């Protein structure tokens, strides 16, 4: 099955800010801020932000895994503290 963005990104797999924003269901401004802060994989071509679809998909998976890891730490008291923050 084809990736949902394949037809939009064309064969190159390169996306614009607008396309990434649509893909992630956020505003263009959010993507611009993430790119400028180097919090999302991006590169510039002639001063304009561009994104690799493959890199964005990897980034999404990475964000999902980090969220799961943080949930395990909080729920499992991985730091040796009780729920109220006191040491055990």
Foldseek 3Di string as FASTA:
>chain_A
DDDPCCVVCDPQQKDFLVSVCVVVVHDSVVSVVCVVVVVADWDDDPNGIMDHNVRRVVSVVVVVVVVVVVVCCQVVVVVQADNVGHHD
